[in-house]
Structure formats: C-alpha cells, structure tokens
Amino acid sequence: SPMKGSPAEKAGIQPKDILTKVNGKSVKGQSLDEVVKKVRGKENTKVTLTIKRGSEEKDIAIKREKIHVKSVEYTKKGNVGVITINKFQSDTSGELKAAVLKAHKQGLNNIVLDLRNNPGGLLDEAVKMTNIFIDKNKTVVQLEKGDHKEAVKTDNDALKEAKDMHVSILVNEGSASASEVFTGAMKDYHKAKVYGSKTFGKGIVQTTREFKDGSLLKYTEMKWLTPDGHYIHGKGIQPDVNIAAPKYQSLSVIPNDKTFKIGDNNKNIKTIKIGLAALGYKVNNESTTFDSELEDAIKKFQQDEHLTVNGVFDKKTNNSFTMLLVEKANKDDDVLKKLLQQLK
C-alpha cells in the first residue's frame, strides 16, 4: 500500500497494485533494494511505473518528492484518544505533543499510546516525550559505560494539558530500545498503565562506525537502566495487564518458494491451518499434516480469491493468504479492542 500523502498515492497507486516495470524496464527477478534504487531519484524529476492491476497493465508517471513520514498518528475512538507512535525520529516528541493537545481539545481524559512494533530510534526524543508527562529534573534513563554513570533528566515542566490524563501504553515483543526507555520511565513514575505483551528487551546502546573501505563495525557502547534501576536487556518490560494477540497474528511468514499438497507433513502446514481458520474457513485441527480437510479449505479459498483451484498451497495462494491475514490484523486489531473495552 502507498503511504498516505506520498507521491505514489497522489499519482494513483493503489493497494494490491503489482509493480512490473520502472521506466519501461522489467524488474522481474530483482531484489527489493535494486528496485527501490531505480524508483528513487532527484527531487522534482519523474519516474514511470508500470503496474499490474487485476488483469490490466498501466503506466503511472510519478513526480519525485521528499517524503516526511509522520511517526505519530492520532485517532479518536469513542471517549479515548489513540496515539500510534511508529518510531522515534526527529520531532516525534513534537508530533506526540500535538496529538495530546488535540485529545485535550476534544475533551478526552483517556489516551492510549500504541508502541507496538516500534523498534525505537532517537534516545533524546524518548526523553522529550517522557517530559510531556513527567516534570522537570526527573531521571528518564540511566546510562552506564564502565564505571561512568549518567542520569539523563527532563528539562521542562510537564505539559499542563497532560497532567490529569489517564495514560495507557500498549506494547508487544516488537517494542524495543527507545520504546522501552519511554515505557520504563512512565511505568516507574506511575504515569501510565502498561498493557499488551512483554517488550523486546534491548537494554544496550549500540554505535556504528564506518571505515574508509565502506565496511561497518557495530559495537555495544553502554547499557541503560530505567529510573528505578531496572536492567531490561534480554528480559523486556512486563505489562501491568497482559492482552494476548490472536494466534494468527504471531504466525511466521511461509517462504514463497515452498509448495504444499495433500500427504505432506511440515510445520508450515500448521501455520496454514491456523491462518485459514482465522479467515473463516473450515479447519478443525492444527496438526502438521496436509489432510483432505485442508485440501478442501484451500480449494474454497482459491475459488474465493479467483485463483487456480487445485487444492495445492502454491506461490499465488501463499501471496493472497499472507496479504489477507495482514489486512485482517490491521482491520480487526483485537488487542486494541480489548484494551478499549477495559477503559470503558
């Protein structure tokens, strides 16, 4: 899917479009990095993408622009403001502040900060974000490098509009690094209740050094602890309230070069069964054996998706299967629904 507000979206690229050519040249067999290099270019220049939409191919000319990907999204859900924070980049704290002010202006007292699958980013942004809720001169994170210890503290008073807000933080195993710095500080100061599942557990600060030959060395420079001195590396942060995601949302992606048919036995077959059951198809067991019930379910799935009906889990079936599960996870968001139910 194209990003909101991106040149691709403006030009008419739609979800499920398949890119076949860049400037008239086929991209078949090329890696994602190779294709991206061809699509990118100088600002205000044009690139023509050939896309396949259904059975038709069409050329779409796109004017290249600088893209600022917003790291914070705000949605009002009933009497709760849901603020999704995708990463910690330059001015994420400013975007979060604007979202909090918007919730306050709408008269909302409850906000959810959704940090699921947020891999982290800039540490100073995590400190500034904490400062929205926590007053001046409070330790947000403790850095340790050998015998040297440094407490990183807040610079300003907390945002007055945020002081009386009830804050819930939603995390999962994909919440890491700066996400954990922020969550750990908010939890230690009792400024938020944490929901979801255990975080990733990255309690170290790593630095990358580039050499003249272009090689890179990534090394651990220091470790960090929460304000109360908790070292979360390898352990993660346990939520105050566990909300488990549906089983299908934690399935591994099945490699595209794998094909499965009746009689096969493989761990990926269990994944197929769980996924098809989540999509509403009749599959009553989760064994690793490709049985007749699974064959019938795949035939029905292929028929519904206008694929070749052969009962074999092949590449095209896999692509549709994966895409529909991702769409279902994004649309349903059972974990967020359960949290919002608890906040009523």
Protein backbone atom coordinates (compact mmCIF):
# COMPACT_ATOMS: atom_id res chain seq x y z
CA SER A 1 0.00 0.00 0.00
CA PRO A 2 1.27 3.53 -0.72
CA MET A 3 1.95 5.80 2.25
CA LYS A 4 -0.64 8.47 2.91
CA GLY A 5 0.26 11.74 1.22
CA SER A 6 3.15 10.18 -0.70
CA PRO A 7 3.83 10.91 -4.40
CA ALA A 8 2.73 7.34 -5.20
CA GLU A 9 -0.65 7.84 -3.54
CA LYS A 10 -1.12 11.21 -5.26
CA ALA A 11 -0.37 9.61 -8.63
CA GLY A 12 -3.00 6.91 -8.09
CA ILE A 13 -1.05 3.85 -6.94
CA GLN A 14 -3.45 1.58 -5.04
CA PRO A 15 -3.16 -1.31 -2.58
CA LYS A 16 -2.60 -4.67 -4.36
CA ASP A 17 -1.03 -2.99 -7.42
CA ILE A 18 1.91 -5.10 -8.65
CA LEU A 19 4.99 -3.23 -9.93
CA THR A 20 6.29 -4.82 -13.16
CA LYS A 21 8.49 -2.13 -14.77
CA VAL A 22 10.39 1.05 -13.89
CA ASN A 23 10.83 3.49 -16.80
CA GLY A 24 9.85 0.74 -19.23
CA LYS A 25 12.35 -1.84 -17.95
CA SER A 26 11.20 -5.06 -16.27
CA VAL A 27 12.01 -5.57 -12.58
CA LYS A 28 11.33 -9.31 -12.68
CA GLY A 29 13.81 -11.27 -10.56
CA GLN A 30 15.33 -8.15 -8.98
CA SER A 31 15.71 -7.63 -5.23
CA LEU A 32 13.70 -5.01 -3.35
CA ASP A 33 16.84 -2.87 -2.87
CA GLU A 34 17.56 -2.92 -6.61
CA VAL A 35 14.02 -1.84 -7.46
CA VAL A 36 13.99 0.90 -4.79
CA LYS A 37 17.21 2.39 -6.22
CA LYS A 38 15.56 2.65 -9.63
CA VAL A 39 12.39 4.24 -8.27
CA ARG A 40 14.22 6.82 -6.17
CA GLY A 41 15.90 9.85 -7.72
CA LYS A 42 16.36 13.61 -7.57
CA GLU A 43 13.51 15.72 -6.27
CA ASN A 44 11.11 17.10 -8.94
CA THR A 45 12.20 14.53 -11.55
CA LYS A 46 9.74 11.97 -12.91
CA VAL A 47 9.68 8.18 -12.90
CA THR A 48 7.21 5.99 -14.77
CA LEU A 49 5.99 2.87 -13.02
CA THR A 50 4.20 0.11 -14.88
CA ILE A 51 1.77 -1.62 -12.56
CA LYS A 52 -0.49 -4.61 -12.95
CA ARG A 53 -3.97 -4.10 -11.52
CA GLY A 54 -6.08 -7.20 -11.89
CA SER A 55 -5.54 -8.35 -15.48
CA GLU A 56 -4.60 -4.89 -16.80
CA GLU A 57 -1.23 -3.18 -17.03
CA LYS A 58 -0.93 0.59 -16.94
CA ASP A 59 1.81 3.23 -16.79
CA ILE A 60 1.73 5.79 -13.98
CA ALA A 61 4.04 8.81 -14.02
CA ILE A 62 5.14 9.97 -10.58
CA LYS A 63 6.87 13.21 -9.65
CA ARG A 64 9.57 12.51 -7.08
CA GLU A 65 9.29 14.47 -3.83
CA LYS A 66 10.88 14.45 -0.42
CA ILE A 67 8.75 12.33 1.88
CA HIS A 68 8.35 13.14 5.55
CA VAL A 69 6.92 10.04 7.12
CA LYS A 70 4.96 11.04 10.20
CA SER A 71 5.89 8.96 13.20
CA VAL A 72 2.69 9.70 15.16
CA GLU A 73 -0.93 9.07 14.16
CA TYR A 74 -3.98 10.18 16.13
CA THR A 75 -7.47 8.64 16.10
CA LYS A 76 -10.46 9.31 18.34
CA LYS A 77 -12.19 6.07 19.31
CA GLY A 78 -15.25 6.79 21.45
CA ASN A 79 -14.06 8.60 24.57
CA VAL A 80 -10.42 7.57 24.07
CA GLY A 81 -7.67 9.21 22.02
CA VAL A 82 -5.49 6.54 20.41
CA ILE A 83 -2.00 7.78 19.56
CA THR A 84 0.10 5.39 17.48
CA ILE A 85 3.85 6.02 17.66
CA ASN A 86 5.66 4.16 14.87
CA LYS A 87 9.26 5.16 15.62
CA PHE A 88 11.37 7.70 17.49
CA GLN A 89 12.70 10.15 14.91
CA SER A 90 13.37 13.87 14.77
CA ASP A 91 10.37 15.76 16.24
CA THR A 92 8.38 12.67 17.27
CA SER A 93 8.02 14.45 20.61
CA GLY A 94 6.51 17.46 18.83
CA GLU A 95 4.06 15.22 16.98
CA LEU A 96 3.11 13.48 20.24
CA LYS A 97 2.57 16.82 21.98
CA ALA A 98 0.26 17.95 19.16
CA ALA A 99 -1.73 14.70 19.44
CA VAL A 100 -2.08 15.06 23.22
CA LEU A 101 -3.28 18.66 22.79
CA LYS A 102 -5.80 17.51 20.18
CA ALA A 103 -7.17 14.88 22.58
CA HIS A 104 -7.42 17.53 25.32
CA LYS A 105 -9.21 19.94 22.98
CA GLN A 106 -11.73 17.19 22.20
CA GLY A 107 -12.40 16.83 25.92
CA LEU A 108 -10.80 13.39 26.24
CA ASN A 109 -9.29 12.31 29.54
CA ASN A 110 -8.16 8.86 28.37
CA ILE A 111 -5.34 8.33 25.87
CA VAL A 112 -3.67 5.16 24.61
CA LEU A 113 -0.07 5.38 23.41
CA ASP A 114 0.36 2.48 20.98
CA LEU A 115 4.03 1.46 20.79
CA ARG A 116 3.51 -2.00 19.32
CA ASN A 117 6.21 -2.97 16.82
CA ASN A 118 8.01 0.33 17.44
CA PRO A 119 11.73 -0.58 17.14
CA GLY A 120 12.91 2.63 18.81
CA GLY A 121 15.17 5.31 17.38
CA LEU A 122 16.46 8.56 18.88
CA LEU A 123 17.06 8.41 22.63
CA ASP A 124 16.72 12.18 23.09
CA GLU A 125 13.22 12.01 21.56
CA ALA A 126 12.25 9.37 24.12
CA VAL A 127 13.43 11.75 26.86
CA LYS A 128 11.47 14.70 25.39
CA MET A 129 8.36 12.54 25.04
CA THR A 130 8.59 11.46 28.67
CA ASN A 131 8.91 15.13 29.61
CA ILE A 132 5.40 15.75 28.22
CA PHE A 133 4.05 13.73 31.16
CA ILE A 134 6.81 13.99 33.78
CA ASP A 135 8.02 17.18 35.46
CA LYS A 136 11.36 18.95 35.31
CA ASN A 137 14.63 17.46 36.60
CA LYS A 138 13.39 13.86 36.76
CA THR A 139 15.61 10.98 35.63
CA VAL A 140 14.27 9.31 32.48
CA VAL A 141 17.10 6.84 31.87
CA GLN A 142 20.41 5.91 33.49
CA LEU A 143 23.36 5.29 31.16
CA GLU A 144 26.30 3.14 32.29
CA LYS A 145 29.65 2.89 30.50
CA GLY A 146 32.18 1.02 32.61
CA ASP A 147 32.42 2.87 35.92
CA HIS A 148 30.87 6.03 34.47
CA LYS A 149 27.17 6.60 35.17
CA GLU A 150 24.96 9.36 33.81
CA ALA A 151 21.36 10.17 34.65
CA VAL A 152 19.52 11.72 31.69
CA LYS A 153 16.89 14.09 33.09
CA THR A 154 13.92 16.11 31.89
CA ASP A 155 14.47 19.81 31.14
CA ASN A 156 10.98 21.31 31.41
CA ASP A 157 7.75 21.16 33.35
CA ALA A 158 5.23 18.60 32.12
CA LEU A 159 2.59 19.71 29.63
CA LYS A 160 -0.24 21.07 31.78
CA GLU A 161 -2.91 19.62 29.47
CA ALA A 162 -1.41 16.14 30.02
CA LYS A 163 -1.21 16.25 33.82
CA ASP A 164 -4.70 14.93 34.53
CA MET A 165 -4.85 12.49 31.64
CA HIS A 166 -5.21 8.76 32.20
CA VAL A 167 -2.43 7.24 30.06
CA SER A 168 -2.33 3.63 28.85
CA ILE A 169 0.68 2.30 26.95
CA LEU A 170 0.23 -0.64 24.57
CA VAL A 171 3.34 -2.74 23.81
CA ASN A 172 4.37 -6.10 22.37
CA GLU A 173 7.51 -8.10 21.58
CA GLY A 174 8.27 -5.66 18.73
CA SER A 175 8.52 -2.67 21.12
CA ALA A 176 12.25 -2.13 21.63
CA SER A 177 15.04 0.24 22.62
CA ALA A 178 13.73 3.85 22.86
CA SER A 179 10.19 2.44 23.15
CA GLU A 180 11.33 0.61 26.27
CA VAL A 181 13.13 3.69 27.64
CA PHE A 182 9.88 5.67 27.39
CA THR A 183 7.68 2.84 28.70
CA GLY A 184 10.07 2.06 31.56
CA ALA A 185 10.15 5.67 32.74
CA MET A 186 6.38 6.12 32.51
CA LYS A 187 5.88 2.88 34.44
CA ASP A 188 8.45 3.69 37.15
CA TYR A 189 6.84 7.09 37.79
CA HIS A 190 3.34 5.54 37.78
CA LYS A 191 2.32 7.88 34.96
CA ALA A 192 0.89 5.10 32.81
CA LYS A 193 -0.51 1.60 32.98
CA VAL A 194 1.13 -0.80 30.53
CA TYR A 195 -0.95 -3.28 28.50
CA GLY A 196 -0.20 -5.94 25.91
CA SER A 197 2.67 -8.41 25.96
CA LYS A 198 6.31 -8.37 27.10
CA THR A 199 8.59 -5.99 25.20
CA PHE A 200 11.68 -7.00 23.20
CA GLY A 201 14.31 -6.37 25.88
CA LYS A 202 17.04 -4.17 24.38
CA GLY A 203 18.86 -2.50 27.27
CA ILE A 204 22.04 -1.53 25.44
CA VAL A 205 23.15 1.44 23.35
CA GLN A 206 24.94 0.49 20.13
CA THR A 207 27.15 2.63 17.91
CA THR A 208 28.06 2.06 14.26
CA ARG A 209 31.47 3.12 12.94
CA GLU A 210 32.21 3.34 9.21
CA PHE A 211 35.70 2.69 7.82
CA LYS A 212 37.34 4.04 4.66
CA ASP A 213 36.73 0.81 2.74
CA GLY A 214 32.99 1.17 3.37
CA SER A 215 32.80 -1.59 5.97
CA LEU A 216 30.85 -1.02 9.17
CA LEU A 217 31.53 -2.01 12.76
CA LYS A 218 28.59 -2.10 15.14
CA TYR A 219 29.51 -2.34 18.81
CA THR A 220 27.85 -2.01 22.21
CA GLU A 221 28.90 1.26 23.81
CA MET A 222 26.90 1.28 27.03
CA LYS A 223 23.88 -0.15 28.80
CA TRP A 224 20.85 1.67 30.15
CA LEU A 225 18.57 1.24 33.16
CA THR A 226 15.12 2.61 33.99
CA PRO A 227 14.79 5.41 36.60
CA ASP A 228 14.31 2.79 39.34
CA GLY A 229 17.40 0.90 38.18
CA HIS A 230 15.76 -1.96 36.26
CA TYR A 231 18.02 -3.54 33.59
CA ILE A 232 15.65 -4.91 30.99
CA HIS A 233 18.14 -6.37 28.47
CA GLY A 234 17.07 -9.85 27.43
CA LYS A 235 14.09 -9.65 29.80
CA GLY A 236 11.86 -6.93 28.41
CA ILE A 237 9.23 -4.97 30.31
CA GLN A 238 6.29 -6.96 31.61
CA PRO A 239 2.92 -5.24 31.09
CA ASP A 240 0.69 -4.50 34.07
CA VAL A 241 -2.15 -6.19 32.19
CA ASN A 242 -1.48 -8.96 29.67
CA ILE A 243 -3.57 -8.86 26.50
CA ALA A 244 -2.62 -11.70 24.18
CA ALA A 245 -2.87 -11.21 20.42
CA PRO A 246 -4.86 -13.81 18.45
CA LYS A 247 -2.76 -16.80 17.43
CA TYR A 248 -2.83 -15.92 13.72
CA GLN A 249 -1.10 -12.58 14.34
CA SER A 250 2.08 -14.28 15.54
CA LEU A 251 2.39 -16.72 12.64
CA SER A 252 5.67 -16.91 10.74
CA VAL A 253 5.60 -15.94 7.07
CA ILE A 254 5.69 -19.02 4.84
CA PRO A 255 8.54 -18.78 2.26
CA ASN A 256 7.27 -18.13 -1.27
CA ASP A 257 9.31 -20.96 -2.75
CA LYS A 258 7.50 -23.59 -0.66
CA THR A 259 4.61 -25.63 -2.09
CA PHE A 260 2.45 -28.00 -0.03
CA LYS A 261 -0.04 -30.65 -1.15
CA ILE A 262 -2.09 -33.46 0.35
CA GLY A 263 0.01 -36.01 2.23
CA ASP A 264 2.81 -33.55 3.11
CA ASN A 265 3.96 -33.13 6.70
CA ASN A 266 5.61 -29.85 7.67
CA LYS A 267 5.43 -27.24 10.46
CA ASN A 268 4.28 -24.64 7.90
CA ILE A 269 1.11 -26.68 7.36
CA LYS A 270 0.06 -25.89 10.93
CA THR A 271 0.53 -22.19 10.07
CA ILE A 272 -1.71 -22.59 7.01
CA LYS A 273 -4.42 -24.24 9.11
CA ILE A 274 -4.38 -21.55 11.81
CA GLY A 275 -4.44 -18.79 9.18
CA LEU A 276 -7.29 -20.26 7.15
CA ALA A 277 -9.35 -20.84 10.30
CA ALA A 278 -8.82 -17.17 11.24
CA LEU A 279 -10.05 -16.19 7.76
CA GLY A 280 -13.25 -18.17 8.32
CA TYR A 281 -12.51 -21.44 6.51
CA LYS A 282 -13.45 -24.84 7.96
CA VAL A 283 -10.28 -26.25 9.53
CA ASN A 284 -10.81 -28.11 12.80
CA ASN A 285 -7.31 -29.28 13.67
CA GLU A 286 -3.84 -27.74 13.91
CA SER A 287 -1.71 -30.75 13.02
CA THR A 288 1.29 -30.52 10.70
CA THR A 289 -0.29 -32.97 8.23
CA PHE A 290 -1.83 -31.81 4.94
CA ASP A 291 -5.13 -33.73 5.12
CA SER A 292 -8.27 -33.79 2.97
CA GLU A 293 -10.00 -31.20 5.17
CA LEU A 294 -7.17 -28.73 4.50
CA GLU A 295 -7.26 -29.52 0.77
CA ASP A 296 -10.99 -28.70 0.70
CA ALA A 297 -10.40 -25.45 2.63
CA ILE A 298 -7.64 -24.41 0.21
CA LYS A 299 -9.86 -25.15 -2.80
CA LYS A 300 -12.60 -22.96 -1.32
CA PHE A 301 -10.03 -20.22 -0.57
CA GLN A 302 -8.67 -20.38 -4.14
CA GLN A 303 -12.19 -20.19 -5.54
CA ASP A 304 -13.00 -17.14 -3.40
CA GLU A 305 -9.75 -15.42 -4.43
CA HIS A 306 -10.18 -16.24 -8.16
CA LEU A 307 -7.06 -18.42 -8.21
CA THR A 308 -6.45 -21.73 -9.97
CA VAL A 309 -8.44 -24.25 -7.92
CA ASN A 310 -6.11 -27.21 -7.39
CA GLY A 311 -6.01 -27.69 -3.60
CA VAL A 312 -2.26 -27.04 -3.57
CA PHE A 313 -0.77 -24.32 -1.36
CA ASP A 314 1.38 -22.71 -4.07
CA LYS A 315 3.05 -19.31 -4.54
CA LYS A 316 -0.06 -17.40 -5.66
CA THR A 317 -2.17 -18.97 -2.91
CA ASN A 318 0.52 -18.04 -0.37
CA ASN A 319 0.61 -14.42 -1.57
CA SER A 320 -3.17 -14.00 -1.20
CA PHE A 321 -3.16 -15.87 2.13
CA THR A 322 -0.44 -13.63 3.60
CA MET A 323 -1.99 -10.40 2.30
CA LEU A 324 -5.44 -11.24 3.69
CA LEU A 325 -4.04 -12.10 7.13
CA VAL A 326 -2.15 -8.78 7.24
CA GLU A 327 -5.31 -6.91 6.20
CA LYS A 328 -7.33 -8.75 8.85
CA ALA A 329 -4.80 -7.92 11.58
CA ASN A 330 -4.79 -4.24 10.61
CA LYS A 331 -8.57 -4.03 10.33
CA ASP A 332 -9.61 -6.05 13.37
CA ASP A 333 -6.88 -5.15 15.90
CA ASP A 334 -8.31 -7.40 18.59
CA VAL A 335 -5.73 -6.33 21.19
CA LEU A 336 -6.64 -2.64 20.91
CA LYS A 337 -10.35 -3.53 21.02
CA LYS A 338 -9.84 -5.46 24.27
CA LEU A 339 -7.92 -2.55 25.79
CA LEU A 340 -10.59 -0.02 24.80
CA GLN A 341 -13.22 -2.32 26.30
CA GLN A 342 -11.32 -2.29 29.61
CA LEU A 343 -11.15 1.51 29.57
CA LYS A 344 -14.92 1.94 29.26
